[in-house]
C-alpha atoms as a PDB file:
ATOM      1  CA  UNK A   1     -60.584  -6.220 -36.204  1.00  0.00           C
ATOM      2  CA  UNK A   2     -60.549  -9.260 -33.951  1.00  0.00           C
ATOM      3  CA  UNK A   3     -62.620  -9.409 -30.786  1.00  0.00           C
ATOM      4  CA  UNK A   4     -61.085 -11.300 -27.894  1.00  0.00           C
ATOM      5  CA  UNK A   5     -63.869 -10.844 -25.366  1.00  0.00           C
ATOM      6  CA  UNK A   6     -64.469 -13.867 -23.086  1.00  0.00           C
ATOM      7  CA  UNK A   7     -66.907 -16.393 -24.418  1.00  0.00           C
ATOM      8  CA  UNK A   8     -69.637 -16.966 -21.846  1.00  0.00           C
ATOM      9  CA  UNK A   9     -70.301 -20.603 -21.131  1.00  0.00           C
ATOM     10  CA  UNK A  10     -73.847 -21.900 -20.831  1.00  0.00           C
ATOM     11  CA  UNK A  11     -74.920 -24.687 -18.509  1.00  0.00           C
ATOM     12  CA  UNK A  12     -77.936 -26.447 -19.950  1.00  0.00           C
ATOM     13  CA  UNK A  13     -79.862 -29.648 -19.703  1.00  0.00           C
ATOM     14  CA  UNK A  14     -78.881 -32.348 -22.196  1.00  0.00           C
ATOM     15  CA  UNK A  15     -80.533 -31.793 -25.518  1.00  0.00           C
ATOM     16  CA  UNK A  16     -81.151 -28.074 -25.006  1.00  0.00           C
ATOM     17  CA  UNK A  17     -78.980 -27.019 -27.926  1.00  0.00           C
ATOM     18  CA  UNK A  18     -80.780 -29.462 -30.178  1.00  0.00           C
ATOM     19  CA  UNK A  19     -84.004 -27.610 -29.374  1.00  0.00           C
ATOM     20  CA  UNK A  20     -82.666 -24.200 -30.399  1.00  0.00           C
ATOM     21  CA  UNK A  21     -84.134 -22.912 -33.681  1.00  0.00           C
ATOM     22  CA  UNK A  22     -81.917 -22.863 -36.738  1.00  0.00           C
ATOM     23  CA  UNK A  23     -81.620 -19.513 -38.529  1.00  0.00           C
ATOM     24  CA  UNK A  24     -83.815 -20.112 -41.553  1.00  0.00           C
ATOM     25  CA  UNK A  25     -82.487 -16.986 -43.247  1.00  0.00           C
ATOM     26  CA  UNK A  26     -78.817 -17.988 -43.443  1.00  0.00           C
ATOM     27  CA  UNK A  27     -77.479 -18.169 -46.978  1.00  0.00           C
ATOM     28  CA  UNK A  28     -74.903 -20.859 -47.694  1.00  0.00           C
ATOM     29  CA  UNK A  29     -72.306 -19.360 -49.998  1.00  0.00           C
ATOM     30  CA  UNK A  30     -71.129 -22.762 -51.221  1.00  0.00           C
ATOM     31  CA  UNK A  31     -72.731 -26.159 -51.643  1.00  0.00           C
ATOM     32  CA  UNK A  32     -70.549 -27.617 -48.880  1.00  0.00           C
ATOM     33  CA  UNK A  33     -71.741 -25.033 -46.344  1.00  0.00           C
ATOM     34  CA  UNK A  34     -68.229 -23.755 -45.584  1.00  0.00           C
ATOM     35  CA  UNK A  35     -69.400 -20.138 -45.354  1.00  0.00           C
ATOM     36  CA  UNK A  36     -72.860 -18.819 -44.519  1.00  0.00           C
ATOM     37  CA  UNK A  37     -74.177 -15.259 -44.411  1.00  0.00           C
ATOM     38  CA  UNK A  38     -77.099 -14.064 -42.357  1.00  0.00           C
ATOM     39  CA  UNK A  39     -78.811 -10.860 -41.224  1.00  0.00           C
ATOM     40  CA  UNK A  40     -78.800  -8.886 -44.456  1.00  0.00           C
ATOM     41  CA  UNK A  41     -81.084  -8.337 -47.410  1.00  0.00           C
ATOM     42  CA  UNK A  42     -80.936 -11.249 -49.889  1.00  0.00           C
ATOM     43  CA  UNK A  43     -79.083  -9.179 -52.497  1.00  0.00           C
ATOM     44  CA  UNK A  44     -76.495  -8.065 -49.950  1.00  0.00           C
ATOM     45  CA  UNK A  45     -76.033 -11.593 -48.592  1.00  0.00           C
ATOM     46  CA  UNK A  46     -75.450 -12.852 -52.130  1.00  0.00           C
ATOM     47  CA  UNK A  47     -72.941 -10.063 -52.752  1.00  0.00           C
ATOM     48  CA  UNK A  48     -71.038 -10.911 -49.565  1.00  0.00           C
ATOM     49  CA  UNK A  49     -70.902 -14.520 -50.755  1.00  0.00           C
ATOM     50  CA  UNK A  50     -69.565 -13.368 -54.111  1.00  0.00           C
ATOM     51  CA  UNK A  51     -66.816 -11.329 -52.405  1.00  0.00           C
ATOM     52  CA  UNK A  52     -65.889 -14.288 -50.204  1.00  0.00           C
ATOM     53  CA  UNK A  53     -65.967 -16.666 -53.166  1.00  0.00           C
ATOM     54  CA  UNK A  54     -63.574 -14.461 -55.122  1.00  0.00           C
ATOM     55  CA  UNK A  55     -61.287 -13.851 -52.131  1.00  0.00           C
ATOM     56  CA  UNK A  56     -60.847 -17.384 -50.798  1.00  0.00           C
ATOM     57  CA  UNK A  57     -58.748 -18.781 -53.700  1.00  0.00           C
ATOM     58  CA  UNK A  58     -56.543 -15.677 -53.655  1.00  0.00           C
ATOM     59  CA  UNK A  59     -56.061 -15.948 -49.894  1.00  0.00           C
ATOM     60  CA  UNK A  60     -55.374 -19.680 -50.112  1.00  0.00           C
ATOM     61  CA  UNK A  61     -52.706 -18.992 -52.721  1.00  0.00           C
ATOM     62  CA  UNK A  62     -51.126 -16.643 -50.162  1.00  0.00           C
ATOM     63  CA  UNK A  63     -51.005 -19.419 -47.535  1.00  0.00           C
ATOM     64  CA  UNK A  64     -54.304 -18.521 -45.859  1.00  0.00           C
ATOM     65  CA  UNK A  65     -56.594 -21.519 -46.420  1.00  0.00           C
ATOM     66  CA  UNK A  66     -60.095 -21.853 -45.017  1.00  0.00           C
ATOM     67  CA  UNK A  67     -59.908 -24.774 -42.603  1.00  0.00           C
ATOM     68  CA  UNK A  68     -63.339 -24.765 -40.934  1.00  0.00           C
ATOM     69  CA  UNK A  69     -66.860 -23.406 -41.446  1.00  0.00           C
ATOM     70  CA  UNK A  70     -67.393 -19.685 -41.018  1.00  0.00           C
ATOM     71  CA  UNK A  71     -70.470 -17.537 -40.361  1.00  0.00           C
ATOM     72  CA  UNK A  72     -70.771 -13.904 -41.458  1.00  0.00           C
ATOM     73  CA  UNK A  73     -73.468 -11.828 -39.747  1.00  0.00           C
ATOM     74  CA  UNK A  74     -74.585  -8.544 -41.309  1.00  0.00           C
ATOM     75  CA  UNK A  75     -75.438  -6.088 -38.513  1.00  0.00           C
ATOM     76  CA  UNK A  76     -76.400  -2.428 -38.265  1.00  0.00           C
ATOM     77  CA  UNK A  77     -74.119  -1.459 -35.376  1.00  0.00           C
ATOM     78  CA  UNK A  78     -70.717  -2.404 -33.931  1.00  0.00           C
ATOM     79  CA  UNK A  79     -68.893  -1.001 -30.890  1.00  0.00           C
ATOM     80  CA  UNK A  80     -66.033   1.471 -31.008  1.00  0.00           C
ATOM     81  CA  UNK A  81     -66.708   2.728 -34.517  1.00  0.00           C
ATOM     82  CA  UNK A  82     -65.729  -0.629 -35.991  1.00  0.00           C
ATOM     83  CA  UNK A  83     -66.954  -1.505 -39.485  1.00  0.00           C
ATOM     84  CA  UNK A  84     -66.158  -5.204 -39.109  1.00  0.00           C
ATOM     85  CA  UNK A  85     -65.263  -7.607 -36.323  1.00  0.00           C
ATOM     86  CA  UNK A  86     -64.011 -11.173 -36.174  1.00  0.00           C
ATOM     87  CA  UNK A  87     -64.898 -13.039 -32.989  1.00  0.00           C
ATOM     88  CA  UNK A  88     -61.777 -15.005 -32.132  1.00  0.00           C
ATOM     89  CA  UNK A  89     -62.403 -18.656 -31.446  1.00  0.00           C
ATOM     90  CA  UNK A  90     -66.025 -18.457 -32.588  1.00  0.00           C
ATOM     91  CA  UNK A  91     -65.557 -18.710 -36.367  1.00  0.00           C
ATOM     92  CA  UNK A  92     -67.882 -15.735 -36.731  1.00  0.00           C
ATOM     93  CA  UNK A  93     -67.548 -12.376 -38.466  1.00  0.00           C
ATOM     94  CA  UNK A  94     -69.797  -9.352 -38.040  1.00  0.00           C
ATOM     95  CA  UNK A  95     -69.856  -6.657 -40.707  1.00  0.00           C
ATOM     96  CA  UNK A  96     -71.927  -3.522 -41.086  1.00  0.00           C
ATOM     97  CA  UNK A  97     -74.182  -2.983 -44.062  1.00  0.00           C
ATOM     98  CA  UNK A  98     -72.625  -0.863 -46.834  1.00  0.00           C
ATOM     99  CA  UNK A  99     -74.808   2.070 -45.792  1.00  0.00           C
ATOM    100  CA  UNK A 100     -73.787   1.867 -42.139  1.00  0.00           C
ATOM    101  CA  UNK A 101     -70.152   1.404 -43.129  1.00  0.00           C
ATOM    102  CA  UNK A 102     -70.311   4.557 -45.254  1.00  0.00           C
ATOM    103  CA  UNK A 103     -71.848   6.469 -42.350  1.00  0.00           C
ATOM    104  CA  UNK A 104     -69.094   5.644 -39.849  1.00  0.00           C
ATOM    105  CA  UNK A 105     -65.945   5.181 -41.974  1.00  0.00           C
ATOM    106  CA  UNK A 106     -63.118   7.572 -41.236  1.00  0.00           C
ATOM    107  CA  UNK A 107     -62.611   9.925 -44.158  1.00  0.00           C
ATOM    108  CA  UNK A 108     -58.987  10.718 -43.272  1.00  0.00           C
ATOM    109  CA  UNK A 109     -57.204   7.420 -43.960  1.00  0.00           C
ATOM    110  CA  UNK A 110     -55.099   5.933 -46.757  1.00  0.00           C
ATOM    111  CA  UNK A 111     -58.323   4.218 -47.905  1.00  0.00           C
ATOM    112  CA  UNK A 112     -60.111   7.517 -48.503  1.00  0.00           C
ATOM    113  CA  UNK A 113     -59.921   7.345 -52.306  1.00  0.00           C
ATOM    114  CA  UNK A 114     -61.931   4.113 -52.305  1.00  0.00           C
ATOM    115  CA  UNK A 115     -65.632   4.486 -52.979  1.00  0.00           C
ATOM    116  CA  UNK A 116     -67.947   3.125 -50.305  1.00  0.00           C
ATOM    117  CA  UNK A 117     -68.743  -0.107 -52.142  1.00  0.00           C
ATOM    118  CA  UNK A 118     -65.082  -0.981 -52.756  1.00  0.00           C
ATOM    119  CA  UNK A 119     -64.182  -0.121 -49.171  1.00  0.00           C
ATOM    120  CA  UNK A 120     -66.971  -2.359 -47.843  1.00  0.00           C
ATOM    121  CA  UNK A 121     -65.737  -5.246 -49.987  1.00  0.00           C
ATOM    122  CA  UNK A 122     -62.209  -4.725 -48.656  1.00  0.00           C
ATOM    123  CA  UNK A 123     -63.501  -4.859 -45.077  1.00  0.00           C
ATOM    124  CA  UNK A 124     -64.986  -8.282 -45.818  1.00  0.00           C
ATOM    125  CA  UNK A 125     -61.565  -9.459 -47.003  1.00  0.00           C
ATOM    126  CA  UNK A 126     -59.901  -7.941 -43.906  1.00  0.00           C
ATOM    127  CA  UNK A 127     -62.178  -9.832 -41.526  1.00  0.00           C
ATOM    128  CA  UNK A 128     -61.952 -12.989 -43.616  1.00  0.00           C
ATOM    129  CA  UNK A 129     -58.162 -12.846 -43.281  1.00  0.00           C
ATOM    130  CA  UNK A 130     -58.579 -12.535 -39.498  1.00  0.00           C
ATOM    131  CA  UNK A 131     -60.685 -15.686 -39.511  1.00  0.00           C
ATOM    132  CA  UNK A 132     -58.113 -17.594 -41.543  1.00  0.00           C
ATOM    133  CA  UNK A 133     -55.216 -16.410 -39.359  1.00  0.00           C
ATOM    134  CA  UNK A 134     -57.095 -17.412 -36.188  1.00  0.00           C
ATOM    135  CA  UNK A 135     -56.118 -21.050 -36.715  1.00  0.00           C
ATOM    136  CA  UNK A 136     -52.523 -20.181 -35.721  1.00  0.00           C
ATOM    137  CA  UNK A 137     -51.874 -20.862 -31.998  1.00  0.00           C
ATOM    138  CA  UNK A 138     -50.740 -17.761 -30.105  1.00  0.00           C
ATOM    139  CA  UNK A 139     -48.008 -18.416 -27.514  1.00  0.00           C
ATOM    140  CA  UNK A 140     -48.626 -15.031 -25.847  1.00  0.00           C
ATOM    141  CA  UNK A 141     -51.632 -13.359 -24.232  1.00  0.00           C
ATOM    142  CA  UNK A 142     -52.269 -11.641 -27.564  1.00  0.00           C
ATOM    143  CA  UNK A 143     -50.966 -11.907 -31.121  1.00  0.00           C
ATOM    144  CA  UNK A 144     -52.837  -8.856 -32.335  1.00  0.00           C
ATOM    145  CA  UNK A 145     -49.922  -7.360 -34.292  1.00  0.00           C
ATOM    146  CA  UNK A 146     -49.534 -10.521 -36.366  1.00  0.00           C
ATOM    147  CA  UNK A 147     -53.307 -10.743 -36.826  1.00  0.00           C
ATOM    148  CA  UNK A 148     -53.689  -7.143 -37.978  1.00  0.00           C
ATOM    149  CA  UNK A 149     -50.605  -7.364 -40.195  1.00  0.00           C
ATOM    150  CA  UNK A 150     -52.110 -10.306 -42.057  1.00  0.00           C
ATOM    151  CA  UNK A 151     -55.559  -8.708 -42.243  1.00  0.00           C
ATOM    152  CA  UNK A 152     -54.359  -5.329 -43.528  1.00  0.00           C
ATOM    153  CA  UNK A 153     -51.928  -6.871 -46.002  1.00  0.00           C
ATOM    154  CA  UNK A 154     -54.680  -9.036 -47.483  1.00  0.00           C
ATOM    155  CA  UNK A 155     -57.217  -6.202 -47.469  1.00  0.00           C
ATOM    156  CA  UNK A 156     -54.933  -3.909 -49.433  1.00  0.00           C
ATOM    157  CA  UNK A 157     -53.741  -6.719 -51.703  1.00  0.00           C
ATOM    158  CA  UNK A 158     -57.403  -7.285 -52.670  1.00  0.00           C
ATOM    159  CA  UNK A 159     -57.710  -3.780 -54.143  1.00  0.00           C
ATOM    160  CA  UNK A 160     -57.338  -2.924 -57.805  1.00  0.00           C
ATOM    161  CA  UNK A 161     -53.842  -1.875 -58.948  1.00  0.00           C
ATOM    162  CA  UNK A 162     -54.956   1.762 -59.247  1.00  0.00           C
ATOM    163  CA  UNK A 163     -56.464   1.663 -55.751  1.00  0.00           C
ATOM    164  CA  UNK A 164     -53.234   0.204 -54.346  1.00  0.00           C
ATOM    165  CA  UNK A 165     -51.238   3.031 -55.930  1.00  0.00           C
ATOM    166  CA  UNK A 166     -53.638   5.569 -54.399  1.00  0.00           C
ATOM    167  CA  UNK A 167     -53.389   3.858 -50.999  1.00  0.00           C
ATOM    168  CA  UNK A 168     -49.591   3.923 -51.126  1.00  0.00           C
ATOM    169  CA  UNK A 169     -49.602   7.615 -52.051  1.00  0.00           C
ATOM    170  CA  UNK A 170     -51.939   8.451 -49.177  1.00  0.00           C
ATOM    171  CA  UNK A 171     -50.047   6.226 -46.736  1.00  0.00           C
ATOM    172  CA  UNK A 172     -46.736   7.875 -47.629  1.00  0.00           C
ATOM    173  CA  UNK A 173     -44.396   5.306 -46.083  1.00  0.00           C
ATOM    174  CA  UNK A 174     -40.894   6.083 -47.320  1.00  0.00           C
ATOM    175  CA  UNK A 175     -37.875   3.798 -47.253  1.00  0.00           C
ATOM    176  CA  UNK A 176     -37.404   0.222 -46.074  1.00  0.00           C
ATOM    177  CA  UNK A 177     -39.707  -1.050 -43.333  1.00  0.00           C
ATOM    178  CA  UNK A 178     -38.607  -3.615 -40.757  1.00  0.00           C
ATOM    179  CA  UNK A 179     -40.758  -5.794 -38.528  1.00  0.00           C
ATOM    180  CA  UNK A 180     -39.666  -3.646 -35.556  1.00  0.00           C
ATOM    181  CA  UNK A 181     -41.587  -0.756 -37.112  1.00  0.00           C
ATOM    182  CA  UNK A 182     -44.855  -2.649 -36.543  1.00  0.00           C
ATOM    183  CA  UNK A 183     -45.574  -1.731 -32.943  1.00  0.00           C
ATOM    184  CA  UNK A 184     -48.507  -2.144 -30.609  1.00  0.00           C
ATOM    185  CA  UNK A 185     -48.461   1.575 -29.871  1.00  0.00           C
ATOM    186  CA  UNK A 186     -48.806   2.397 -33.565  1.00  0.00           C
ATOM    187  CA  UNK A 187     -51.635  -0.109 -33.958  1.00  0.00           C
ATOM    188  CA  UNK A 188     -53.677   1.428 -31.138  1.00  0.00           C
ATOM    189  CA  UNK A 189     -52.693   5.087 -31.480  1.00  0.00           C
ATOM    190  CA  UNK A 190     -52.472   5.351 -35.281  1.00  0.00           C
ATOM    191  CA  UNK A 191     -54.163   2.285 -36.819  1.00  0.00           C
ATOM    192  CA  UNK A 192     -54.228   3.781 -40.290  1.00  0.00           C
ATOM    193  CA  UNK A 193     -50.499   4.442 -40.091  1.00  0.00           C
ATOM    194  CA  UNK A 194     -50.148   0.815 -39.052  1.00  0.00           C
ATOM    195  CA  UNK A 195     -52.114  -0.305 -42.114  1.00  0.00           C
ATOM    196  CA  UNK A 196     -49.817   1.647 -44.430  1.00  0.00           C
ATOM    197  CA  UNK A 197     -46.694   0.395 -42.640  1.00  0.00           C
ATOM    198  CA  UNK A 198     -47.922  -3.203 -42.720  1.00  0.00           C
ATOM    199  CA  UNK A 199     -48.562  -2.959 -46.447  1.00  0.00           C
ATOM    200  CA  UNK A 200     -45.176  -1.365 -47.107  1.00  0.00           C
ATOM    201  CA  UNK A 201     -43.470  -4.153 -45.147  1.00  0.00           C
ATOM    202  CA  UNK A 202     -45.451  -6.887 -46.929  1.00  0.00           C
ATOM    203  CA  UNK A 203     -44.876  -5.440 -50.396  1.00  0.00           C
ATOM    204  CA  UNK A 204     -41.150  -5.033 -49.737  1.00  0.00           C
ATOM    205  CA  UNK A 205     -40.677  -8.742 -48.996  1.00  0.00           C
ATOM    206  CA  UNK A 206     -39.127 -10.738 -51.859  1.00  0.00           C
ATOM    207  CA  UNK A 207     -42.000 -13.189 -51.373  1.00  0.00           C
ATOM    208  CA  UNK A 208     -44.823 -11.579 -49.420  1.00  0.00           C
ATOM    209  CA  UNK A 209     -47.028 -14.654 -49.485  1.00  0.00           C
ATOM    210  CA  UNK A 210     -44.081 -16.774 -48.375  1.00  0.00           C
ATOM    211  CA  UNK A 211     -43.760 -14.414 -45.395  1.00  0.00           C
ATOM    212  CA  UNK A 212     -47.449 -14.924 -44.619  1.00  0.00           C
ATOM    213  CA  UNK A 213     -46.815 -18.666 -44.807  1.00  0.00           C
ATOM    214  CA  UNK A 214     -44.092 -18.331 -42.167  1.00  0.00           C
ATOM    215  CA  UNK A 215     -46.516 -16.434 -39.928  1.00  0.00           C
ATOM    216  CA  UNK A 216     -49.129 -19.130 -40.450  1.00  0.00           C
ATOM    217  CA  UNK A 217     -46.627 -21.882 -39.608  1.00  0.00           C
ATOM    218  CA  UNK A 218     -45.581 -20.091 -36.432  1.00  0.00           C
ATOM    219  CA  UNK A 219     -42.030 -19.574 -37.677  1.00  0.00           C
ATOM    220  CA  UNK A 220     -42.527 -15.781 -37.548  1.00  0.00           C
ATOM    221  CA  UNK A 221     -44.326 -13.986 -34.704  1.00  0.00           C
ATOM    222  CA  UNK A 222     -44.568 -10.226 -34.935  1.00  0.00           C
ATOM    223  CA  UNK A 223     -45.770  -9.849 -31.355  1.00  0.00           C
ATOM    224  CA  UNK A 224     -43.697  -9.932 -28.172  1.00  0.00           C
ATOM    225  CA  UNK A 225     -44.215  -9.873 -24.415  1.00  0.00           C
ATOM    226  CA  UNK A 226     -43.293  -6.192 -24.381  1.00  0.00           C
ATOM    227  CA  UNK A 227     -46.084  -3.578 -24.631  1.00  0.00           C
END
């Protein structure tokens, strides 16, 4: 999920930031330093890099390119029962460890047939999609419906075919879905219903990735001024 908390500004003497220590434990996923992972055990950091490395070409092919460097922090706690969080405007993702994700994940969702490892990998893709969507200017106070639509669609699209079938069966969205079905109330009151509805809408498009491209270009905005 995205985090739109205010970013506190620091007033400092010139050169202060140059004196701050660099995190010596950050792992660069790629030689060009586009994505770095920090805070986890070396094996976990490498695995996160592997998930990101596999996901980025697939996301780019669906009109979600990586346009600037990104940091992924592995943490042991997040507020509100979240398992992942993208910090809007900061190019930074926080994700729980697989163990902490397993401990707090909701068992009664369309994702419940996924084992803990596969679910954790899908959370990485979800937050990565948030980061890639964040480059789109929002003309409103919030574009959270568009952001979550993109993130859930890409998260579910990253699953194996069998896992997608299981998700669709658990989500049980029947009939055609229109963009008007993707509401702010559903997102906040029944987020897992929103995830299933978002996926049904995406998969029903003649060209789902083309639809994502229209969202990324600003031609389609799923949010409105209305609550």
